[in-house]
N, C-alpha and C. Protein backbone atom coordinates (compact mmCIF):
# COMPACT_ATOMS: atom_id res chain seq x y z
N MET A 1 -60.96 63.52 -48.92
CA MET A 1 -62.43 63.67 -48.11
C MET A 1 -62.41 63.38 -46.87
N SER A 2 -63.35 64.08 -46.15
CA SER A 2 -63.59 64.49 -44.85
C SER A 2 -64.74 63.52 -44.44
N LEU A 3 -64.63 62.97 -43.22
CA LEU A 3 -65.79 62.30 -42.52
C LEU A 3 -66.81 63.26 -41.82
N LEU A 4 -66.35 64.39 -41.73
CA LEU A 4 -66.97 65.55 -40.86
C LEU A 4 -68.73 65.38 -41.44
N ASN A 5 -68.98 65.51 -42.53
CA ASN A 5 -70.18 65.44 -43.11
C ASN A 5 -71.05 64.16 -42.66
N ASP A 6 -70.32 63.20 -42.61
CA ASP A 6 -71.06 61.67 -42.28
C ASP A 6 -71.19 61.81 -40.83
N PHE A 7 -70.27 62.37 -39.96
CA PHE A 7 -70.35 62.58 -38.47
C PHE A 7 -71.60 63.26 -38.22
N GLU A 8 -71.72 64.51 -38.98
CA GLU A 8 -72.75 65.50 -38.89
C GLU A 8 -74.29 64.79 -39.11
N TRP A 9 -74.21 63.80 -39.97
CA TRP A 9 -75.44 63.11 -40.33
C TRP A 9 -75.64 62.11 -39.33
N ARG A 10 -74.96 61.42 -38.65
CA ARG A 10 -75.23 60.19 -37.77
C ARG A 10 -75.64 60.95 -36.35
N TYR A 11 -76.51 60.32 -35.65
CA TYR A 11 -76.79 60.51 -34.33
C TYR A 11 -77.25 59.22 -33.52
N ALA A 12 -77.22 59.26 -32.30
CA ALA A 12 -77.46 58.03 -31.61
C ALA A 12 -79.27 57.61 -31.75
N THR A 13 -79.51 56.80 -32.94
CA THR A 13 -80.79 56.45 -33.48
C THR A 13 -81.44 55.77 -32.07
N LYS A 14 -82.76 56.40 -31.88
CA LYS A 14 -83.59 56.02 -30.78
C LYS A 14 -84.57 55.07 -31.35
N LYS A 15 -84.84 55.08 -32.68
CA LYS A 15 -85.95 54.22 -33.13
C LYS A 15 -85.59 53.74 -34.50
N PHE A 16 -85.58 52.48 -34.78
CA PHE A 16 -85.22 51.95 -35.89
C PHE A 16 -86.41 51.52 -36.69
N ASP A 17 -86.35 51.61 -38.00
CA ASP A 17 -87.41 50.99 -38.86
C ASP A 17 -87.28 49.40 -38.81
N THR A 18 -88.10 48.60 -38.53
CA THR A 18 -87.78 47.22 -38.29
C THR A 18 -88.26 46.42 -39.88
N SER A 19 -88.91 47.34 -40.61
CA SER A 19 -88.96 46.75 -42.01
C SER A 19 -87.83 46.80 -42.86
N LYS A 20 -86.84 47.52 -42.38
CA LYS A 20 -85.53 47.57 -43.24
C LYS A 20 -84.52 46.87 -42.43
N LYS A 21 -83.78 46.12 -43.50
CA LYS A 21 -82.41 45.33 -43.02
C LYS A 21 -81.36 45.82 -43.75
N VAL A 22 -80.14 45.81 -42.74
CA VAL A 22 -78.86 46.26 -43.53
C VAL A 22 -78.43 45.02 -44.15
N GLU A 23 -77.92 45.34 -45.46
CA GLU A 23 -77.34 44.50 -46.45
C GLU A 23 -76.28 43.64 -45.76
N GLN A 24 -75.85 42.50 -46.05
CA GLN A 24 -74.72 41.68 -45.03
C GLN A 24 -73.53 42.27 -45.53
N SER A 25 -73.31 42.90 -46.88
CA SER A 25 -72.05 43.43 -47.31
C SER A 25 -71.77 44.62 -46.56
N LEU A 26 -72.70 45.43 -46.35
CA LEU A 26 -72.38 46.41 -45.31
C LEU A 26 -71.89 46.25 -43.91
N VAL A 27 -72.78 45.18 -43.54
CA VAL A 27 -72.43 44.86 -42.11
C VAL A 27 -70.97 44.30 -42.07
N ASP A 28 -70.35 43.49 -43.03
CA ASP A 28 -69.19 43.08 -43.36
C ASP A 28 -68.33 44.19 -43.00
N LYS A 29 -68.52 45.22 -43.75
CA LYS A 29 -67.64 46.36 -43.92
C LYS A 29 -67.69 47.19 -42.52
N ILE A 30 -68.63 47.20 -41.93
CA ILE A 30 -68.80 47.87 -40.64
C ILE A 30 -67.83 46.79 -39.42
N VAL A 31 -67.98 45.64 -39.80
CA VAL A 31 -67.33 44.78 -38.64
C VAL A 31 -65.71 44.78 -38.99
N GLU A 32 -65.33 44.91 -40.32
CA GLU A 32 -63.92 45.00 -40.70
C GLU A 32 -63.60 46.27 -40.22
N ALA A 33 -64.46 47.27 -40.18
CA ALA A 33 -63.61 48.60 -39.71
C ALA A 33 -62.98 48.40 -37.99
N ALA A 34 -63.93 47.71 -37.47
CA ALA A 34 -63.62 47.29 -36.05
C ALA A 34 -62.35 46.42 -35.99
N TRP A 35 -62.47 45.52 -36.82
CA TRP A 35 -61.28 44.83 -37.04
C TRP A 35 -59.79 45.26 -37.40
N LEU A 36 -60.21 46.36 -38.32
CA LEU A 36 -58.92 47.15 -38.57
C LEU A 36 -58.24 48.17 -37.54
N ALA A 37 -59.30 48.29 -36.59
CA ALA A 37 -59.05 49.30 -35.46
C ALA A 37 -57.73 49.15 -35.01
N PRO A 38 -56.69 50.21 -34.62
CA PRO A 38 -55.65 50.03 -33.78
C PRO A 38 -55.85 49.71 -32.23
N THR A 39 -54.89 48.81 -31.66
CA THR A 39 -55.05 48.39 -30.30
C THR A 39 -53.68 48.35 -29.79
N SER A 40 -53.74 48.53 -28.40
CA SER A 40 -52.70 48.65 -27.67
C SER A 40 -51.59 47.28 -27.83
N SER A 41 -50.38 47.81 -28.47
CA SER A 41 -49.34 46.63 -28.81
C SER A 41 -49.76 45.73 -29.91
N GLY A 42 -50.83 45.98 -30.62
CA GLY A 42 -51.54 45.14 -31.67
C GLY A 42 -52.12 43.91 -31.26
N LEU A 43 -52.30 43.82 -29.82
CA LEU A 43 -53.13 42.60 -29.25
C LEU A 43 -54.45 42.30 -29.66
N GLN A 44 -55.39 43.32 -30.22
CA GLN A 44 -56.53 43.05 -30.49
C GLN A 44 -57.39 42.37 -29.51
N PRO A 45 -57.48 42.70 -28.14
CA PRO A 45 -58.04 42.03 -27.33
C PRO A 45 -59.46 41.90 -27.03
N PHE A 46 -60.09 42.07 -28.00
CA PHE A 46 -61.62 42.07 -28.14
C PHE A 46 -62.34 41.37 -28.96
N LYS A 47 -63.35 40.91 -29.27
CA LYS A 47 -64.18 40.27 -30.44
C LYS A 47 -65.42 40.92 -30.71
N VAL A 48 -66.06 40.82 -31.78
CA VAL A 48 -67.35 41.42 -32.37
C VAL A 48 -68.33 40.23 -32.59
N ILE A 49 -69.24 40.26 -31.74
CA ILE A 49 -70.42 38.96 -31.89
C ILE A 49 -71.73 39.67 -32.66
N THR A 50 -71.85 39.15 -33.87
CA THR A 50 -73.11 39.96 -34.45
C THR A 50 -74.45 38.89 -34.38
N ILE A 51 -75.39 39.66 -33.86
CA ILE A 51 -76.82 38.96 -33.60
C ILE A 51 -78.00 39.34 -34.65
N THR A 52 -78.38 38.42 -35.16
CA THR A 52 -79.66 38.71 -35.95
C THR A 52 -80.82 37.87 -35.74
N ASN A 53 -80.63 36.79 -34.67
CA ASN A 53 -81.82 36.29 -34.32
C ASN A 53 -82.65 37.00 -33.60
N GLN A 54 -83.86 37.27 -33.78
CA GLN A 54 -84.75 38.02 -33.46
C GLN A 54 -85.31 37.16 -31.79
N GLU A 55 -85.55 35.98 -31.90
CA GLU A 55 -85.53 35.71 -30.62
C GLU A 55 -84.52 36.01 -29.41
N LEU A 56 -83.36 36.01 -30.01
CA LEU A 56 -82.11 36.22 -29.07
C LEU A 56 -82.02 37.81 -28.65
N LYS A 57 -82.44 38.30 -29.76
CA LYS A 57 -82.40 40.07 -29.36
C LYS A 57 -83.44 40.27 -28.45
N ASP A 58 -84.85 39.62 -28.60
CA ASP A 58 -85.88 39.85 -27.53
C ASP A 58 -85.38 39.44 -26.19
N LYS A 59 -84.61 38.43 -26.01
CA LYS A 59 -84.22 38.21 -24.91
C LYS A 59 -82.92 39.10 -24.30
N ILE A 60 -82.45 39.73 -24.86
CA ILE A 60 -81.66 41.02 -24.54
C ILE A 60 -82.29 42.03 -24.17
N LEU A 61 -83.45 42.32 -24.58
CA LEU A 61 -84.38 43.31 -24.45
C LEU A 61 -84.40 43.90 -22.84
N PRO A 62 -84.85 43.01 -21.87
CA PRO A 62 -85.06 43.15 -20.60
C PRO A 62 -83.44 43.36 -20.01
N ILE A 63 -82.45 42.55 -20.41
CA ILE A 63 -81.00 42.91 -20.09
C ILE A 63 -80.54 44.21 -20.36
N ALA A 64 -81.05 45.03 -21.38
CA ALA A 64 -80.97 46.45 -21.83
C ALA A 64 -81.93 47.29 -21.15
N PHE A 65 -82.60 46.90 -20.10
CA PHE A 65 -83.55 47.68 -19.23
C PHE A 65 -84.71 48.18 -20.20
N GLY A 66 -85.20 47.41 -21.27
CA GLY A 66 -86.09 47.70 -22.06
C GLY A 66 -85.97 48.67 -23.22
N GLN A 67 -84.67 48.88 -23.40
CA GLN A 67 -84.38 49.94 -24.53
C GLN A 67 -84.80 49.13 -26.01
N THR A 68 -85.80 49.48 -26.44
CA THR A 68 -86.11 48.64 -27.68
C THR A 68 -85.24 48.61 -28.95
N ILE A 69 -84.35 49.22 -28.92
CA ILE A 69 -83.32 49.49 -30.24
C ILE A 69 -82.70 48.21 -30.25
N VAL A 70 -82.58 47.46 -29.16
CA VAL A 70 -81.77 46.12 -29.37
C VAL A 70 -82.75 45.04 -29.97
N ALA A 71 -83.91 45.18 -29.80
CA ALA A 71 -84.84 44.40 -30.45
C ALA A 71 -85.07 44.55 -31.91
N ASP A 72 -85.38 46.02 -32.02
CA ASP A 72 -85.71 46.45 -33.27
C ASP A 72 -84.72 46.72 -34.58
N CYS A 73 -83.53 46.68 -34.09
CA CYS A 73 -82.38 46.88 -34.91
C CYS A 73 -82.25 45.77 -35.88
N SER A 74 -81.55 46.17 -37.13
CA SER A 74 -81.38 45.08 -37.99
C SER A 74 -80.46 43.98 -37.56
N HIS A 75 -79.23 44.42 -36.97
CA HIS A 75 -78.06 43.64 -36.46
C HIS A 75 -77.64 44.39 -35.21
N LEU A 76 -77.40 43.29 -34.20
CA LEU A 76 -76.66 43.79 -33.11
C LEU A 76 -75.61 43.42 -32.73
N LEU A 77 -74.44 44.24 -32.84
CA LEU A 77 -72.91 43.92 -32.56
C LEU A 77 -72.75 44.23 -31.10
N VAL A 78 -72.21 42.96 -30.62
CA VAL A 78 -71.74 43.18 -29.05
C VAL A 78 -70.32 42.81 -29.18
N PHE A 79 -69.74 43.94 -28.37
CA PHE A 79 -68.04 44.00 -28.35
C PHE A 79 -67.93 43.26 -27.19
N ALA A 80 -67.11 42.42 -27.06
CA ALA A 80 -66.77 41.46 -25.85
C ALA A 80 -65.18 41.48 -25.96
N ALA A 81 -64.61 41.87 -24.77
CA ALA A 81 -63.27 41.99 -24.39
C ALA A 81 -62.69 40.68 -23.60
N TRP A 82 -61.22 40.41 -24.02
CA TRP A 82 -60.71 39.23 -23.11
C TRP A 82 -60.90 39.57 -21.64
N ASP A 83 -61.36 38.44 -21.05
CA ASP A 83 -61.34 38.48 -19.30
C ASP A 83 -60.02 39.02 -18.76
N ARG A 84 -58.96 38.42 -19.47
CA ARG A 84 -57.63 38.86 -18.97
C ARG A 84 -56.51 38.41 -19.89
N TYR A 85 -55.29 38.90 -19.94
CA TYR A 85 -54.20 38.51 -20.81
C TYR A 85 -53.63 37.29 -20.24
N THR A 86 -53.29 36.42 -21.49
CA THR A 86 -52.42 35.23 -20.92
C THR A 86 -51.39 34.95 -21.81
N GLU A 87 -50.25 34.18 -21.49
CA GLU A 87 -49.25 34.13 -22.25
C GLU A 87 -49.65 33.50 -23.54
N GLU A 88 -50.56 32.58 -23.64
CA GLU A 88 -50.97 32.06 -24.89
C GLU A 88 -51.66 33.15 -25.80
N ARG A 89 -52.54 33.77 -25.27
CA ARG A 89 -53.15 34.95 -26.16
C ARG A 89 -51.97 35.75 -26.74
N ILE A 90 -51.12 36.35 -25.89
CA ILE A 90 -50.13 37.11 -26.27
C ILE A 90 -49.17 36.50 -27.33
N ASN A 91 -48.76 35.12 -27.32
CA ASN A 91 -48.19 34.32 -28.05
C ASN A 91 -48.88 34.28 -29.50
N HIS A 92 -50.09 34.10 -29.33
CA HIS A 92 -50.86 33.62 -30.48
C HIS A 92 -50.67 34.70 -31.58
N ILE A 93 -50.98 36.11 -30.99
CA ILE A 93 -51.28 37.21 -32.03
C ILE A 93 -49.67 37.45 -32.51
N TYR A 94 -48.80 37.42 -31.61
CA TYR A 94 -47.30 37.42 -32.17
C TYR A 94 -47.00 36.53 -33.10
N SER A 95 -47.40 35.40 -33.05
CA SER A 95 -47.02 34.19 -34.06
C SER A 95 -47.81 34.47 -35.30
N LEU A 96 -49.00 35.08 -35.52
CA LEU A 96 -49.67 35.64 -36.51
C LEU A 96 -48.88 36.72 -37.07
N ILE A 97 -48.39 37.38 -36.42
CA ILE A 97 -47.75 38.83 -36.91
C ILE A 97 -46.31 38.37 -37.66
N THR A 98 -45.61 37.37 -36.89
CA THR A 98 -44.36 37.08 -37.54
C THR A 98 -44.48 36.35 -38.71
N GLN A 99 -45.54 35.43 -38.71
CA GLN A 99 -45.82 34.77 -39.89
C GLN A 99 -46.44 35.62 -41.12
N GLY A 100 -47.21 36.41 -40.81
CA GLY A 100 -47.80 37.35 -41.94
C GLY A 100 -46.49 38.24 -42.21
N ARG A 101 -45.61 38.41 -41.55
CA ARG A 101 -44.65 39.41 -42.19
C ARG A 101 -43.38 38.61 -42.57
N ASN A 102 -43.46 37.35 -42.50
CA ASN A 102 -42.36 36.63 -43.07
C ASN A 102 -41.14 36.98 -42.14
N GLN A 103 -41.14 36.82 -40.96
CA GLN A 103 -40.27 37.18 -39.92
C GLN A 103 -39.91 36.03 -39.09
N PRO A 104 -38.58 36.06 -38.63
CA PRO A 104 -38.21 34.97 -37.65
C PRO A 104 -39.28 34.88 -36.43
N ALA A 105 -39.61 33.69 -35.95
CA ALA A 105 -40.66 33.48 -34.83
C ALA A 105 -40.26 34.18 -33.74
N ASP A 106 -38.71 34.31 -33.27
CA ASP A 106 -38.41 35.32 -32.11
C ASP A 106 -38.40 36.42 -32.03
N LYS A 107 -38.67 37.03 -33.33
CA LYS A 107 -38.44 38.57 -33.81
C LYS A 107 -38.70 39.67 -32.60
N TYR A 108 -39.87 39.24 -32.01
CA TYR A 108 -40.53 40.10 -31.07
C TYR A 108 -40.35 39.62 -29.75
N LYS A 109 -39.66 38.60 -29.44
CA LYS A 109 -39.46 38.17 -28.00
C LYS A 109 -39.20 38.98 -26.84
N ASN A 110 -38.38 39.76 -27.13
CA ASN A 110 -37.97 40.79 -26.03
C ASN A 110 -39.31 41.38 -25.64
N TYR A 111 -39.92 42.00 -26.70
CA TYR A 111 -41.29 42.93 -26.60
C TYR A 111 -42.11 42.38 -25.96
N THR A 112 -42.51 40.79 -26.20
CA THR A 112 -43.41 40.26 -25.73
C THR A 112 -43.22 39.68 -24.31
N ASP A 113 -42.02 39.68 -24.03
CA ASP A 113 -41.75 39.29 -22.81
C ASP A 113 -41.76 40.30 -21.66
N ARG A 114 -41.77 41.74 -22.20
CA ARG A 114 -41.88 42.90 -21.59
C ARG A 114 -43.55 42.99 -21.36
N LEU A 115 -44.22 42.58 -22.32
CA LEU A 115 -45.75 42.52 -22.15
C LEU A 115 -46.16 41.73 -21.16
N LYS A 116 -45.61 40.48 -21.23
CA LYS A 116 -45.93 39.57 -20.30
C LYS A 116 -45.66 39.94 -18.71
N GLU A 117 -44.38 40.62 -18.69
CA GLU A 117 -43.98 41.02 -17.39
C GLU A 117 -44.97 42.25 -16.69
N ILE A 118 -45.59 42.87 -17.56
CA ILE A 118 -46.65 43.87 -17.24
C ILE A 118 -48.13 43.55 -16.87
N TYR A 119 -48.25 42.66 -17.85
CA TYR A 119 -49.91 42.20 -17.91
C TYR A 119 -50.10 41.08 -16.89
N LEU A 120 -49.22 39.83 -17.03
CA LEU A 120 -49.61 38.45 -16.31
C LEU A 120 -49.53 38.88 -14.86
N LYS A 121 -48.70 39.77 -14.48
CA LYS A 121 -48.64 40.10 -13.01
C LYS A 121 -50.08 41.12 -12.23
N GLN A 122 -50.70 41.56 -13.37
CA GLN A 122 -51.85 42.24 -12.71
C GLN A 122 -52.99 41.41 -12.61
N THR A 123 -54.07 42.07 -11.69
CA THR A 123 -55.14 41.13 -11.53
C THR A 123 -56.03 41.31 -12.85
N ALA A 124 -57.09 40.09 -12.68
CA ALA A 124 -57.90 40.03 -13.85
C ALA A 124 -58.62 41.30 -14.21
N ALA A 125 -59.08 42.06 -12.87
CA ALA A 125 -59.85 43.22 -13.08
C ALA A 125 -58.93 44.17 -13.81
N GLU A 126 -57.48 44.48 -13.59
CA GLU A 126 -56.69 45.54 -14.07
C GLU A 126 -56.69 44.95 -15.54
N ASN A 127 -56.66 43.68 -16.06
CA ASN A 127 -56.35 43.54 -17.35
C ASN A 127 -57.71 43.86 -17.93
N PHE A 128 -58.89 43.47 -17.38
CA PHE A 128 -60.24 43.70 -18.29
C PHE A 128 -60.21 45.20 -18.53
N ALA A 129 -60.02 46.10 -17.49
CA ALA A 129 -59.90 47.41 -17.56
C ALA A 129 -59.25 48.00 -18.85
N HIS A 130 -58.13 47.37 -19.10
CA HIS A 130 -57.40 47.73 -20.31
C HIS A 130 -57.97 47.08 -21.79
N THR A 131 -58.28 45.77 -21.58
CA THR A 131 -58.89 45.28 -22.81
C THR A 131 -60.22 45.83 -23.17
N ALA A 132 -60.89 46.27 -22.09
CA ALA A 132 -62.24 47.01 -22.36
C ALA A 132 -62.06 48.44 -23.03
N ARG A 133 -60.97 48.98 -22.68
CA ARG A 133 -60.59 50.34 -23.45
C ARG A 133 -60.50 50.08 -24.86
N GLN A 134 -59.59 48.92 -25.21
CA GLN A 134 -59.64 48.66 -26.69
C GLN A 134 -60.84 48.44 -27.41
N ALA A 135 -61.76 47.76 -26.84
CA ALA A 135 -63.06 47.57 -27.34
C ALA A 135 -63.83 48.96 -27.85
N TYR A 136 -63.55 49.84 -27.00
CA TYR A 136 -63.98 51.42 -27.37
C TYR A 136 -63.59 51.70 -28.59
N ILE A 137 -62.12 51.51 -28.81
CA ILE A 137 -61.40 52.12 -29.96
C ILE A 137 -62.10 51.42 -31.44
N GLY A 138 -62.28 49.93 -31.17
CA GLY A 138 -62.90 49.15 -32.09
C GLY A 138 -64.39 49.80 -32.41
N MET A 139 -65.21 49.93 -31.56
CA MET A 139 -66.43 50.59 -31.75
C MET A 139 -66.51 51.83 -32.36
N SER A 140 -65.59 52.71 -32.15
CA SER A 140 -65.64 54.09 -32.61
C SER A 140 -65.30 54.10 -34.23
N PHE A 141 -64.45 52.81 -34.61
CA PHE A 141 -64.23 52.61 -35.95
C PHE A 141 -65.31 52.19 -36.82
N ALA A 142 -66.00 51.30 -35.96
CA ALA A 142 -67.43 50.55 -36.58
C ALA A 142 -68.32 51.58 -36.75
N MET A 143 -68.48 52.65 -35.84
CA MET A 143 -69.38 53.86 -35.84
C MET A 143 -69.12 54.49 -37.05
N ALA A 144 -67.96 54.91 -37.25
CA ALA A 144 -67.45 55.83 -38.15
C ALA A 144 -67.85 55.22 -39.69
N GLU A 145 -67.32 53.86 -39.93
CA GLU A 145 -67.90 53.31 -41.19
C GLU A 145 -69.24 53.31 -41.38
N ALA A 146 -70.01 52.98 -40.43
CA ALA A 146 -71.53 52.95 -40.40
C ALA A 146 -72.18 54.38 -41.03
N ALA A 147 -71.62 55.40 -40.53
CA ALA A 147 -71.87 56.67 -40.85
C ALA A 147 -71.54 56.93 -42.29
N VAL A 148 -70.30 56.42 -42.82
CA VAL A 148 -69.88 56.67 -44.22
C VAL A 148 -70.88 55.93 -45.09
N LEU A 149 -71.51 54.78 -44.66
CA LEU A 149 -72.22 53.97 -45.39
C LEU A 149 -73.96 54.24 -45.11
N LYS A 150 -74.12 55.31 -44.55
CA LYS A 150 -75.38 55.86 -44.14
C LYS A 150 -76.11 54.61 -43.61
N VAL A 151 -75.60 53.92 -42.61
CA VAL A 151 -76.29 52.97 -41.72
C VAL A 151 -76.29 53.58 -40.22
N ASP A 152 -77.38 53.65 -39.65
CA ASP A 152 -77.58 54.21 -38.33
C ASP A 152 -77.16 53.42 -37.31
N SER A 153 -76.57 53.89 -36.28
CA SER A 153 -76.06 52.91 -35.20
C SER A 153 -76.26 53.95 -33.74
N THR A 154 -76.16 53.12 -32.75
CA THR A 154 -76.31 53.84 -31.24
C THR A 154 -75.39 52.90 -30.37
N PRO A 155 -74.26 53.65 -29.92
CA PRO A 155 -73.49 53.04 -29.08
C PRO A 155 -74.23 52.95 -27.60
N MET A 156 -74.01 51.43 -27.07
CA MET A 156 -74.61 51.31 -25.64
C MET A 156 -73.61 50.76 -24.78
N GLU A 157 -73.89 51.31 -23.49
CA GLU A 157 -73.33 50.77 -22.21
C GLU A 157 -74.46 50.34 -21.44
N GLY A 158 -75.66 50.81 -21.73
CA GLY A 158 -76.62 50.47 -20.55
C GLY A 158 -77.54 49.30 -20.92
N PHE A 159 -76.65 48.38 -20.35
CA PHE A 159 -77.25 46.79 -20.39
C PHE A 159 -76.46 46.13 -18.93
N ASP A 160 -77.12 44.99 -18.47
CA ASP A 160 -76.32 44.43 -17.44
C ASP A 160 -75.30 43.23 -17.95
N THR A 161 -74.08 43.59 -17.98
CA THR A 161 -73.16 42.93 -18.53
C THR A 161 -73.23 41.51 -18.13
N ALA A 162 -73.28 41.20 -16.87
CA ALA A 162 -73.27 40.04 -16.30
C ALA A 162 -74.37 39.13 -16.63
N GLN A 163 -75.42 39.47 -17.02
CA GLN A 163 -76.40 38.96 -17.63
C GLN A 163 -76.49 38.55 -18.90
N LEU A 164 -75.99 39.45 -19.68
CA LEU A 164 -75.54 39.21 -21.21
C LEU A 164 -74.50 38.22 -21.37
N ASP A 165 -73.46 38.30 -20.40
CA ASP A 165 -72.25 37.32 -20.40
C ASP A 165 -72.89 35.98 -20.51
N GLU A 166 -73.94 35.83 -19.58
CA GLU A 166 -74.43 34.43 -19.13
C GLU A 166 -75.12 34.06 -20.35
N LEU A 167 -75.97 34.75 -20.99
CA LEU A 167 -77.09 34.43 -22.13
C LEU A 167 -76.06 34.00 -23.25
N LEU A 168 -75.30 34.74 -23.56
CA LEU A 168 -74.18 34.64 -24.70
C LEU A 168 -73.00 33.60 -24.38
N GLU A 169 -73.07 33.01 -23.22
CA GLU A 169 -72.11 31.95 -22.74
C GLU A 169 -70.61 32.54 -23.01
N LEU A 170 -70.37 33.67 -22.70
CA LEU A 170 -69.11 34.35 -22.93
C LEU A 170 -67.94 34.05 -21.92
N LYS A 171 -68.38 33.60 -20.63
CA LYS A 171 -67.44 33.31 -19.70
C LYS A 171 -66.36 32.20 -20.30
N SER A 172 -67.22 31.01 -20.92
CA SER A 172 -66.44 29.91 -21.49
C SER A 172 -65.55 30.14 -22.67
N LYS A 173 -65.79 31.47 -23.09
CA LYS A 173 -64.80 31.86 -24.10
C LYS A 173 -63.69 32.84 -23.92
N GLY A 174 -63.65 32.97 -22.31
CA GLY A 174 -62.88 34.04 -21.74
C GLY A 174 -62.95 35.45 -22.29
N LEU A 175 -64.35 35.88 -22.40
CA LEU A 175 -64.77 36.94 -22.76
C LEU A 175 -65.81 37.80 -21.76
N LYS A 176 -65.83 38.97 -21.72
CA LYS A 176 -66.62 39.56 -21.06
C LYS A 176 -67.42 40.85 -21.84
N SER A 177 -68.67 40.98 -21.93
CA SER A 177 -69.21 41.88 -22.76
C SER A 177 -68.75 43.36 -22.22
N VAL A 178 -68.75 44.30 -22.97
CA VAL A 178 -68.22 45.65 -22.79
C VAL A 178 -69.31 46.83 -23.35
N LEU A 179 -69.65 46.64 -24.67
CA LEU A 179 -70.48 47.56 -25.50
C LEU A 179 -71.47 46.73 -26.19
N MET A 180 -72.56 47.31 -26.74
CA MET A 180 -73.51 46.87 -27.81
C MET A 180 -73.55 48.25 -28.85
N LEU A 181 -73.70 47.65 -30.09
CA LEU A 181 -73.98 48.65 -31.15
C LEU A 181 -75.06 48.18 -31.96
N PRO A 182 -76.30 48.51 -31.58
CA PRO A 182 -77.43 48.31 -32.45
C PRO A 182 -77.19 48.90 -33.86
N ILE A 183 -77.48 48.40 -34.91
CA ILE A 183 -77.32 48.96 -36.56
C ILE A 183 -78.48 48.97 -37.26
N GLY A 184 -78.89 49.74 -38.07
CA GLY A 184 -80.22 49.62 -38.79
C GLY A 184 -80.48 50.82 -39.56
N TYR A 185 -81.74 51.22 -39.91
CA TYR A 185 -82.13 52.18 -40.48
C TYR A 185 -82.95 53.03 -39.55
N ARG A 186 -82.99 54.38 -39.36
CA ARG A 186 -83.93 55.10 -38.60
C ARG A 186 -85.24 55.20 -39.17
N ASP A 187 -85.98 55.16 -37.92
CA ASP A 187 -87.69 55.37 -38.33
C ASP A 187 -87.69 56.91 -37.90
N GLU A 188 -87.51 57.56 -38.92
CA GLU A 188 -87.54 59.07 -38.95
C GLU A 188 -88.75 59.71 -38.46
N SER A 189 -89.75 59.31 -38.65
CA SER A 189 -91.21 59.76 -38.34
C SER A 189 -91.27 59.55 -36.86
N ASN A 190 -90.78 58.70 -36.24
CA ASN A 190 -91.27 58.09 -34.99
C ASN A 190 -89.97 58.26 -34.03
N ASP A 191 -88.97 58.78 -34.26
CA ASP A 191 -87.73 58.88 -33.48
C ASP A 191 -87.49 60.39 -32.97
N TRP A 192 -87.78 60.56 -31.85
CA TRP A 192 -87.90 61.87 -31.34
C TRP A 192 -86.51 62.68 -31.46
N LEU A 193 -85.41 62.05 -31.52
CA LEU A 193 -84.20 62.84 -31.57
C LEU A 193 -83.81 63.02 -33.11
N SER A 194 -84.46 62.53 -34.02
CA SER A 194 -83.92 62.69 -35.44
C SER A 194 -83.85 64.08 -35.93
N LYS A 195 -84.72 64.90 -35.39
CA LYS A 195 -84.72 66.19 -36.23
C LYS A 195 -84.22 67.19 -35.30
N LEU A 196 -83.65 66.86 -34.23
CA LEU A 196 -83.11 67.63 -33.14
C LEU A 196 -81.65 68.09 -33.53
N ALA A 197 -81.36 69.38 -33.25
CA ALA A 197 -79.99 69.81 -33.65
C ALA A 197 -78.90 69.01 -32.73
N LYS A 198 -77.55 68.88 -33.53
CA LYS A 198 -76.52 68.18 -32.74
C LYS A 198 -75.90 69.33 -31.79
N ILE A 199 -75.84 69.13 -30.74
CA ILE A 199 -75.22 70.32 -29.67
C ILE A 199 -73.78 69.68 -29.09
N ARG A 200 -72.89 70.37 -29.12
CA ARG A 200 -71.80 70.18 -28.39
C ARG A 200 -71.16 71.39 -27.47
N HIS A 201 -70.45 71.35 -26.55
CA HIS A 201 -69.70 72.50 -26.17
C HIS A 201 -69.18 73.20 -27.04
N PRO A 202 -69.27 74.60 -26.99
CA PRO A 202 -68.48 75.62 -28.01
C PRO A 202 -66.99 75.12 -28.17
N LYS A 203 -66.61 75.24 -29.59
CA LYS A 203 -65.09 74.74 -29.82
C LYS A 203 -64.21 75.53 -28.98
N ASP A 204 -64.51 76.53 -28.54
CA ASP A 204 -63.40 77.31 -27.67
C ASP A 204 -63.50 76.89 -26.14
N GLU A 205 -64.21 75.96 -25.91
CA GLU A 205 -64.41 75.52 -24.57
C GLU A 205 -63.78 74.13 -24.79
N PHE A 206 -64.09 73.50 -25.90
CA PHE A 206 -63.86 71.80 -25.95
C PHE A 206 -62.38 71.73 -26.24
N THR A 207 -61.65 72.79 -26.74
CA THR A 207 -60.22 72.55 -27.19
C THR A 207 -59.43 73.91 -26.82
N PHE A 208 -58.06 73.69 -26.45
CA PHE A 208 -57.33 74.64 -26.21
C PHE A 208 -55.86 74.34 -26.57
N GLU A 209 -55.03 75.35 -26.73
CA GLU A 209 -53.71 75.07 -27.16
C GLU A 209 -52.78 75.32 -26.19
N ILE A 210 -51.61 74.67 -26.02
CA ILE A 210 -50.62 74.95 -25.19
C ILE A 210 -49.30 75.10 -25.94
N LYS A 211 -48.92 76.27 -25.95
CA LYS A 211 -47.69 76.57 -26.77
C LYS A 211 -46.45 76.77 -25.94
């Protein structure tokens, strides 16, 4: 089976039908797709926050510069990345790895020592630039699963990350917001984008081969 038909079906939904809610079982699958996404060295340095509380979504509306999809969506997924790498965070995931694989606790010590040598000497900004990129991978998997399930979604960078971090108290959790993904069901009759053709660069411009 190919995902291409599902990708052709999906688009960046601009208007959600507020009367329709996504079943929790489908939301769980979308989040699980992000959970299963690959990340650099398997560190999984981001989390997904699911917001359904309408009052909270309404508070996020001005933070998202008035983009109504954050308030009108069924569920709002926030992808928040680690603010930086720490020895404890690296040790924790590799402890889970060795336990889950029934391996000796020091199985990956040489590898994790190299990771710490690379990341712990970097600035927090350099660390976050890397962890944030991992969140993009997670979101892409979530969007793909949503398309398969015929749940609409819209990837969003257009919001004030500092204000959202403050509202969700992410700093105390060692996290910084990166992306938001409103999900729900399109209001086809009122969404100006729903009927428009999907346009991309011609394939012969988009890709080329080096032999």
